[in-house]
Each structure stands twice: as structure tokens, then as C-alpha cells.
N, C-alpha and C. Protein backbone atom coordinates (compact mmCIF):
# COMPACT_ATOMS: atom_id res chain seq x y z
N UNK A 1 2.51 21.85 18.30
CA UNK A 1 3.54 22.51 18.89
C UNK A 1 3.91 21.92 20.14
N UNK A 2 5.24 21.86 20.39
CA UNK A 2 5.68 21.29 21.68
C UNK A 2 6.37 22.36 22.47
N UNK A 3 6.26 22.32 23.74
CA UNK A 3 6.89 23.36 24.62
C UNK A 3 8.00 22.70 25.41
N UNK A 4 9.20 23.19 25.30
CA UNK A 4 10.34 22.53 26.03
C UNK A 4 10.22 23.00 27.51
N UNK A 5 10.99 22.31 28.29
CA UNK A 5 11.02 22.57 29.74
C UNK A 5 11.50 24.03 30.08
N UNK A 6 12.26 24.60 29.17
CA UNK A 6 12.64 26.02 29.33
C UNK A 6 11.65 27.00 28.85
N UNK A 7 10.49 26.57 28.36
CA UNK A 7 9.49 27.40 27.81
C UNK A 7 9.56 27.70 26.36
N UNK A 8 10.66 27.24 25.70
CA UNK A 8 10.79 27.50 24.31
C UNK A 8 9.87 26.63 23.48
N UNK A 9 9.45 27.25 22.31
CA UNK A 9 8.53 26.35 21.46
C UNK A 9 9.45 25.57 20.48
N UNK A 10 9.07 24.33 20.37
CA UNK A 10 9.66 23.40 19.46
C UNK A 10 8.86 22.98 18.38
N UNK A 11 9.23 23.13 17.23
CA UNK A 11 8.42 22.74 16.06
C UNK A 11 8.86 21.23 15.72
N UNK A 12 7.90 20.40 15.85
CA UNK A 12 8.19 18.97 15.50
C UNK A 12 8.37 18.86 14.00
N UNK A 13 9.39 18.05 13.60
CA UNK A 13 9.52 17.88 12.16
C UNK A 13 8.37 17.10 11.52
N UNK A 14 8.05 17.43 10.28
CA UNK A 14 7.00 16.62 9.66
C UNK A 14 7.62 15.55 8.89
N UNK A 15 6.90 14.50 8.80
CA UNK A 15 7.40 13.30 8.12
C UNK A 15 6.60 13.11 6.83
N UNK A 16 7.20 12.88 5.76
CA UNK A 16 6.48 12.56 4.57
C UNK A 16 5.95 11.19 4.75
N UNK A 17 4.69 11.01 4.40
CA UNK A 17 4.20 9.60 4.46
C UNK A 17 4.05 9.09 3.04
N UNK A 18 4.55 7.86 2.92
CA UNK A 18 4.57 7.25 1.62
C UNK A 18 3.37 6.26 1.61
N UNK A 19 2.50 6.44 0.69
CA UNK A 19 1.29 5.57 0.65
C UNK A 19 1.47 4.64 -0.63
N UNK A 20 1.04 3.44 -0.43
CA UNK A 20 1.12 2.60 -1.56
C UNK A 20 0.11 2.91 -2.61
N UNK A 21 0.40 2.56 -3.89
CA UNK A 21 -0.57 2.96 -4.89
C UNK A 21 -1.92 2.36 -4.75
N UNK A 22 -2.95 2.94 -5.32
CA UNK A 22 -4.27 2.43 -5.16
C UNK A 22 -4.67 1.27 -6.14
N UNK A 23 -3.81 1.17 -7.17
CA UNK A 23 -3.96 0.14 -8.18
C UNK A 23 -2.69 -0.69 -8.26
N UNK A 24 -2.85 -1.94 -8.79
CA UNK A 24 -1.70 -2.81 -9.01
C UNK A 24 -1.45 -2.77 -10.47
N UNK A 25 -0.14 -2.40 -10.77
CA UNK A 25 0.39 -2.33 -12.18
C UNK A 25 0.83 -3.72 -12.58
N UNK A 26 -0.02 -4.47 -13.31
CA UNK A 26 0.39 -5.86 -13.69
C UNK A 26 1.52 -5.77 -14.79
N UNK A 27 1.81 -4.73 -15.42
CA UNK A 27 2.88 -4.65 -16.41
C UNK A 27 4.21 -4.62 -15.67
N UNK A 28 4.23 -4.29 -14.39
CA UNK A 28 5.43 -4.18 -13.62
C UNK A 28 5.62 -5.43 -12.73
N UNK A 29 6.56 -6.29 -13.12
CA UNK A 29 6.84 -7.52 -12.37
C UNK A 29 7.08 -7.28 -10.84
N UNK A 30 7.85 -6.18 -10.58
CA UNK A 30 8.13 -5.99 -9.20
C UNK A 30 6.92 -5.59 -8.39
N UNK A 31 6.06 -4.80 -9.03
CA UNK A 31 4.80 -4.48 -8.23
C UNK A 31 3.92 -5.62 -8.13
N UNK A 32 3.83 -6.50 -9.19
CA UNK A 32 3.00 -7.65 -9.03
C UNK A 32 3.55 -8.59 -7.91
N UNK A 33 4.85 -8.78 -7.85
CA UNK A 33 5.50 -9.61 -6.86
C UNK A 33 5.25 -9.01 -5.47
N UNK A 34 5.36 -7.67 -5.38
CA UNK A 34 5.19 -6.95 -4.11
C UNK A 34 3.77 -7.27 -3.56
N UNK A 35 2.78 -6.99 -4.41
CA UNK A 35 1.37 -7.14 -4.00
C UNK A 35 1.01 -8.60 -3.66
N UNK A 36 1.66 -9.50 -4.46
CA UNK A 36 1.42 -10.91 -4.23
C UNK A 36 2.00 -11.27 -2.80
N UNK A 37 3.09 -10.79 -2.55
CA UNK A 37 3.64 -11.03 -1.17
C UNK A 37 2.79 -10.48 -0.08
N UNK A 38 2.43 -9.14 -0.31
CA UNK A 38 1.68 -8.39 0.66
C UNK A 38 0.31 -9.07 0.91
N UNK A 39 -0.29 -9.73 -0.10
CA UNK A 39 -1.66 -10.29 0.07
C UNK A 39 -1.53 -11.82 0.36
N UNK A 40 -0.27 -12.28 0.37
CA UNK A 40 0.00 -13.78 0.69
C UNK A 40 -0.73 -14.64 -0.33
N UNK A 41 -0.49 -14.29 -1.56
CA UNK A 41 -1.04 -15.15 -2.67
C UNK A 41 0.07 -15.27 -3.72
N UNK A 42 -0.12 -16.24 -4.60
CA UNK A 42 0.85 -16.37 -5.69
C UNK A 42 0.64 -15.25 -6.66
N UNK A 43 1.62 -14.99 -7.51
CA UNK A 43 1.43 -13.93 -8.58
C UNK A 43 0.33 -14.40 -9.62
N UNK A 44 0.17 -15.73 -9.74
CA UNK A 44 -0.89 -16.21 -10.65
C UNK A 44 -2.26 -15.97 -9.95
N UNK A 45 -2.39 -16.26 -8.74
CA UNK A 45 -3.71 -16.00 -8.08
C UNK A 45 -3.98 -14.49 -8.06
N UNK A 46 -3.05 -13.64 -7.92
CA UNK A 46 -3.19 -12.25 -7.95
C UNK A 46 -3.60 -11.79 -9.38
N UNK A 47 -3.06 -12.32 -10.37
CA UNK A 47 -3.42 -11.97 -11.69
C UNK A 47 -4.89 -12.42 -12.06
N UNK A 48 -5.24 -13.56 -11.48
CA UNK A 48 -6.59 -14.08 -11.75
C UNK A 48 -7.60 -13.14 -10.98
N UNK A 49 -7.29 -12.70 -9.77
CA UNK A 49 -8.14 -11.84 -9.08
C UNK A 49 -8.30 -10.53 -9.82
N UNK A 50 -7.24 -9.95 -10.37
CA UNK A 50 -7.20 -8.73 -11.09
C UNK A 50 -8.11 -8.87 -12.34
N UNK A 51 -7.98 -10.01 -12.97
CA UNK A 51 -8.80 -10.28 -14.18
C UNK A 51 -10.35 -10.23 -13.79
N UNK A 52 -10.69 -10.69 -12.64
CA UNK A 52 -12.07 -10.72 -12.25
C UNK A 52 -12.65 -9.42 -11.77
N UNK A 53 -11.83 -8.66 -10.91
CA UNK A 53 -12.39 -7.50 -10.29
C UNK A 53 -11.60 -6.18 -10.61
N UNK A 54 -10.61 -6.24 -11.43
CA UNK A 54 -9.88 -5.06 -11.77
C UNK A 54 -8.63 -4.81 -11.00
N UNK A 55 -7.86 -3.79 -11.20
CA UNK A 55 -6.57 -3.60 -10.55
C UNK A 55 -6.64 -2.84 -9.30
N UNK A 56 -7.73 -2.42 -8.77
CA UNK A 56 -7.93 -1.66 -7.55
C UNK A 56 -7.45 -2.49 -6.45
N UNK A 57 -6.55 -1.97 -5.57
CA UNK A 57 -6.04 -2.75 -4.46
C UNK A 57 -7.23 -3.16 -3.53
N UNK A 58 -8.03 -2.24 -3.30
CA UNK A 58 -9.25 -2.38 -2.39
C UNK A 58 -10.12 -3.49 -2.99
N UNK A 59 -10.37 -3.53 -4.23
CA UNK A 59 -11.29 -4.54 -4.89
C UNK A 59 -10.58 -5.90 -4.74
N UNK A 60 -9.31 -6.01 -5.08
CA UNK A 60 -8.57 -7.26 -5.01
C UNK A 60 -8.63 -7.74 -3.60
N UNK A 61 -8.37 -6.93 -2.60
CA UNK A 61 -8.37 -7.34 -1.18
C UNK A 61 -9.64 -7.94 -0.83
N UNK A 62 -10.76 -7.20 -1.22
CA UNK A 62 -12.21 -7.74 -0.95
C UNK A 62 -12.37 -9.17 -1.63
N UNK A 63 -11.96 -9.28 -2.88
CA UNK A 63 -12.09 -10.45 -3.57
C UNK A 63 -11.42 -11.61 -2.85
N UNK A 64 -10.15 -11.33 -2.46
CA UNK A 64 -9.32 -12.38 -1.83
C UNK A 64 -9.72 -12.51 -0.31
N UNK A 65 -10.50 -11.74 0.21
CA UNK A 65 -10.84 -11.82 1.61
C UNK A 65 -9.75 -11.42 2.52
N UNK A 66 -8.93 -10.44 2.10
CA UNK A 66 -7.77 -9.97 2.85
C UNK A 66 -8.06 -8.71 3.53
């Protein structure tokens, strides 16, 4: 809660937080390209990493050292 200079209470607006998905959907070309860009790898390298460790973003990041 925030108190204004005149003593009135001001309720700060809440912002919805958008979180990226926890897994990479390799059937979705846009998602694959997004994650390849975010992880600074080619889509082919991303696919190879997913083949080895699964589609978990955390696992792929660890595997790629990102």
C-alpha cells in the first residue's frame, strides 16, 4: 500500500507477469526459433540438445552451458 502526500491510501495496480513456458515445443517452429534465438544457438543445435536432454528449458540451458 502507498500513502499519498495528502494521507490517502493508494492501491498500486498489479501487473500480470508473463512467464515463458518450462518446456520447448519442438512441433512449433516459432517456439523453436524463439528458444534458439534466446539461447544463441541454431535451431539444429537446439534440436540436438533436446534429443539428448529432453525439452525442459532448464535442462537444455544446463546442457548448452547457458
